[in-house]
Amino acid sequence: MAKTPRPHITPIAGPILGEFLIGISVAMAGLWMASEISDAAAGAFGMANQVMETLFVIFRVLAIGVG
């Protein structure tokens, strides 16, 4: 029985890295805009963003494991 070749990760690494960089950039911009209002708004935004990113990573790992 012939072995099927393993797919390479390099063609998809660029778009995944780009997605993460854009997400981080948007989060930083939102945090900067919230900090212009008040320190409490920046803290709340940062806390909510951390929870959202944690859930995003958990669901991403689950999707990779299931798929």
Protein backbone atom coordinates (compact mmCIF):
# COMPACT_ATOMS: atom_id res chain seq x y z
CA MET A 1 0.00 0.00 0.00
CA ALA A 2 1.43 3.37 -1.01
CA LYS A 3 1.76 6.09 1.57
CA THR A 4 0.08 9.38 0.83
CA PRO A 5 2.39 12.37 1.18
CA ARG A 6 1.86 14.64 4.15
CA PRO A 7 0.58 18.12 3.28
CA HIS A 8 2.96 21.02 3.84
CA ILE A 9 2.08 23.68 6.38
CA THR A 10 4.01 26.52 4.78
CA PRO A 11 1.32 27.54 2.22
CA ILE A 12 -1.21 28.13 4.99
CA ALA A 13 1.14 29.58 7.61
CA GLY A 14 1.15 33.06 6.00
CA PRO A 15 -2.63 33.57 6.02
CA ILE A 16 -2.92 32.26 9.58
CA LEU A 17 -0.15 34.58 10.74
CA GLY A 18 -1.81 37.46 8.91
CA GLU A 19 -5.13 36.71 10.58
CA PHE A 20 -3.57 36.76 14.02
CA LEU A 21 -1.65 39.97 13.32
CA ILE A 22 -4.79 41.73 12.07
CA GLY A 23 -6.73 40.53 15.13
CA ILE A 24 -4.05 41.81 17.47
CA SER A 25 -3.89 45.12 15.62
CA VAL A 26 -7.65 45.63 15.85
CA ALA A 27 -7.61 44.77 19.56
CA MET A 28 -4.79 47.22 20.20
CA ALA A 29 -6.60 49.96 18.28
CA GLY A 30 -9.78 49.33 20.27
CA LEU A 31 -7.86 49.40 23.52
CA TRP A 32 -6.21 52.68 22.53
CA MET A 33 -9.59 54.24 21.67
CA ALA A 34 -11.10 53.02 24.95
CA SER A 35 -8.13 54.44 26.87
CA GLU A 36 -8.93 57.86 25.41
CA ILE A 37 -12.26 57.74 27.29
CA SER A 38 -11.04 56.56 30.71
CA ASP A 39 -8.81 54.10 32.49
CA ALA A 40 -11.82 52.05 33.59
CA ALA A 41 -13.02 51.74 30.00
CA ALA A 42 -9.57 50.58 28.91
CA GLY A 43 -9.46 48.03 31.72
CA ALA A 44 -12.90 46.70 30.89
CA PHE A 45 -12.06 46.51 27.20
CA GLY A 46 -8.79 44.72 27.91
CA MET A 47 -10.46 42.21 30.22
CA ALA A 48 -13.25 41.47 27.73
CA ASN A 49 -10.72 41.16 24.92
CA GLN A 50 -8.66 38.66 26.91
CA VAL A 51 -11.73 36.49 27.55
CA MET A 52 -12.74 36.63 23.88
CA GLU A 53 -9.23 35.70 22.71
CA THR A 54 -9.09 32.79 25.16
CA LEU A 55 -12.41 31.44 23.89
CA PHE A 56 -11.25 31.96 20.30
CA VAL A 57 -8.13 29.87 20.92
CA ILE A 58 -10.09 27.13 22.70
CA PHE A 59 -12.61 26.82 19.86
CA ARG A 60 -9.82 26.98 17.27
CA VAL A 61 -8.01 24.07 18.96
CA LEU A 62 -11.25 22.11 19.18
CA ALA A 63 -11.94 22.73 15.49
CA ILE A 64 -8.48 21.50 14.56
CA GLY A 65 -8.94 18.39 16.69
CA VAL A 66 -12.36 17.59 15.25
CA GLY A 67 -11.48 18.42 11.62
